[in-house]
Amino acid sequence: VQLVESGGGLVQAGESLRLSCKASGSIFRFNVMGWYRQAPGKERELVAEITKRGTTIYADSVKGRFTVSRDNAENTVYLQMNSLKPEDTAVYYCNAKETLYYRDYDYWGQGTLVTVSS
């Protein structure tokens, strides 16, 4: 499984970005897909995730500003980020979770850097 992120970059506070994560195959196999981030000197944290049925979960810090979605036909998960703040600066990682033969597997992308200037 390969997950390839794109869409990161440098923006000013208040602006928007959309991250994309394209999987190498069908995303129907994944129970959950989502986005994590890791800021310098901090642990990786969950940003948002979406289940196969479309249920979403968001970190409190991004609720109302970020939206996670999935396009099964394109094998892609998106993270729309609006009203960005400097504290959103981090490397954002795509994640996919799969259960196969009663075992859980985690897959990660290589990460894409988001920098928000004040």
Protein backbone atom coordinates (compact mmCIF):
# COMPACT_ATOMS: atom_id res chain seq x y z
CA VAL A 1 0.00 0.00 0.00
CA GLN A 2 1.28 3.43 -0.91
CA LEU A 3 -0.23 6.68 0.31
CA VAL A 4 0.97 9.81 -1.44
CA GLU A 5 0.16 13.20 0.04
CA SER A 6 0.18 16.50 -1.79
CA GLY A 7 -1.04 20.04 -1.33
CA GLY A 8 1.15 21.33 1.47
CA GLY A 9 2.86 24.67 1.32
CA LEU A 10 3.38 28.08 2.86
CA VAL A 11 0.35 30.25 3.50
CA GLN A 12 -0.56 33.21 5.65
CA ALA A 13 -2.85 33.04 8.65
CA GLY A 14 -6.49 33.02 7.62
CA GLU A 15 -5.86 31.38 4.27
CA SER A 16 -6.84 27.90 3.10
CA LEU A 17 -5.16 24.77 1.79
CA ARG A 18 -6.43 21.41 0.60
CA LEU A 19 -4.37 18.32 1.21
CA SER A 20 -4.83 15.19 -0.91
CA CYS A 21 -3.86 11.61 -0.15
CA LYS A 22 -4.02 9.18 -3.04
CA ALA A 23 -3.82 5.47 -2.34
CA SER A 24 -2.16 3.00 -4.70
CA GLY A 25 -5.32 0.90 -4.82
CA SER A 26 -8.94 0.89 -3.78
CA ILE A 27 -9.65 2.61 -0.48
CA PHE A 28 -12.66 0.40 0.15
CA ARG A 29 -10.30 -1.94 1.99
CA PHE A 30 -9.62 0.65 4.69
CA ASN A 31 -11.92 0.88 7.69
CA VAL A 32 -10.68 4.37 8.51
CA MET A 33 -8.62 6.95 6.71
CA GLY A 34 -7.43 10.19 8.13
CA TRP A 35 -4.83 12.83 8.78
CA TYR A 36 -2.33 13.24 11.59
CA ARG A 37 0.17 16.02 12.12
CA GLN A 38 3.43 16.48 13.92
CA ALA A 39 4.81 19.87 14.84
CA PRO A 40 8.49 20.38 15.76
CA GLY A 41 9.20 19.04 19.22
CA LYS A 42 5.71 17.60 19.61
CA GLU A 43 4.15 14.18 19.30
CA ARG A 44 2.11 13.14 16.30
CA GLU A 45 -1.57 13.86 16.86
CA LEU A 46 -4.83 13.01 15.16
CA VAL A 47 -6.32 15.84 13.11
CA ALA A 48 -9.31 14.20 11.45
CA GLU A 49 -10.49 10.84 10.25
CA ILE A 50 -13.34 9.37 8.22
CA THR A 51 -14.71 5.87 8.31
CA LYS A 52 -15.77 3.73 5.39
CA ARG A 53 -19.36 4.74 6.12
CA GLY A 54 -18.51 8.43 6.19
CA THR A 55 -18.46 9.07 9.93
CA THR A 56 -15.97 11.79 10.79
CA ILE A 57 -13.96 12.69 13.88
CA TYR A 58 -12.01 15.91 14.42
CA ALA A 59 -9.54 17.17 16.94
CA ASP A 60 -11.04 19.96 19.03
CA SER A 61 -8.43 22.38 17.74
CA VAL A 62 -9.62 22.07 14.13
CA LYS A 63 -13.38 21.62 14.52
CA GLY A 64 -15.28 24.07 12.36
CA ARG A 65 -12.20 24.88 10.28
CA PHE A 66 -11.10 21.58 8.74
CA THR A 67 -13.14 19.09 6.73
CA VAL A 68 -12.10 15.54 5.87
CA SER A 69 -13.67 13.75 2.93
CA ARG A 70 -13.06 10.73 0.75
CA ASP A 71 -13.61 10.07 -2.93
CA ASN A 72 -13.83 6.32 -3.37
CA ALA A 73 -13.81 6.55 -7.15
CA GLU A 74 -10.51 8.45 -7.06
CA ASN A 75 -9.03 6.43 -4.17
CA THR A 76 -8.31 9.73 -2.49
CA VAL A 77 -8.88 11.34 0.89
CA TYR A 78 -8.87 15.09 1.28
CA LEU A 79 -8.37 17.53 4.11
CA GLN A 80 -9.79 20.98 3.46
CA MET A 81 -8.17 23.43 5.87
CA ASN A 82 -9.72 26.88 6.25
CA SER A 83 -8.89 29.79 8.53
CA LEU A 84 -5.41 28.44 9.07
CA LYS A 85 -3.48 29.52 12.14
CA PRO A 86 0.27 29.56 12.85
CA GLU A 87 -0.29 26.73 15.34
CA ASP A 88 -1.45 24.53 12.45
CA THR A 89 2.12 24.49 11.18
CA ALA A 90 3.26 20.87 11.05
CA VAL A 91 4.03 17.94 8.82
CA TYR A 92 0.71 16.34 7.91
CA TYR A 93 0.56 12.59 7.41
CA CYS A 94 -2.10 10.53 5.71
CA ASN A 95 -3.10 7.36 7.56
CA ALA A 96 -5.12 4.30 6.60
CA LYS A 97 -6.27 1.49 8.87
CA GLU A 98 -7.14 -1.97 7.68
CA THR A 99 -8.26 -5.15 9.42
CA LEU A 100 -7.11 -8.27 7.64
CA TYR A 101 -7.52 -11.78 9.00
CA TYR A 102 -8.36 -10.31 12.43
CA ARG A 103 -5.18 -8.24 12.54
CA ASP A 104 -5.03 -4.44 12.40
CA TYR A 105 -2.64 -2.69 10.03
CA ASP A 106 -1.63 0.97 9.84
CA TYR A 107 -0.28 2.58 6.71
CA TRP A 108 1.34 6.01 6.48
CA GLY A 109 2.22 8.47 3.79
CA GLN A 110 5.53 10.29 3.65
CA GLY A 111 4.10 13.55 4.96
CA THR A 112 3.57 17.00 3.53
CA LEU A 113 4.67 20.20 5.23
CA VAL A 114 2.18 22.94 6.02
CA THR A 115 3.59 26.25 7.19
CA VAL A 116 1.31 29.06 8.32
CA SER A 117 2.88 32.46 8.81
CA SER A 118 1.42 35.12 11.07
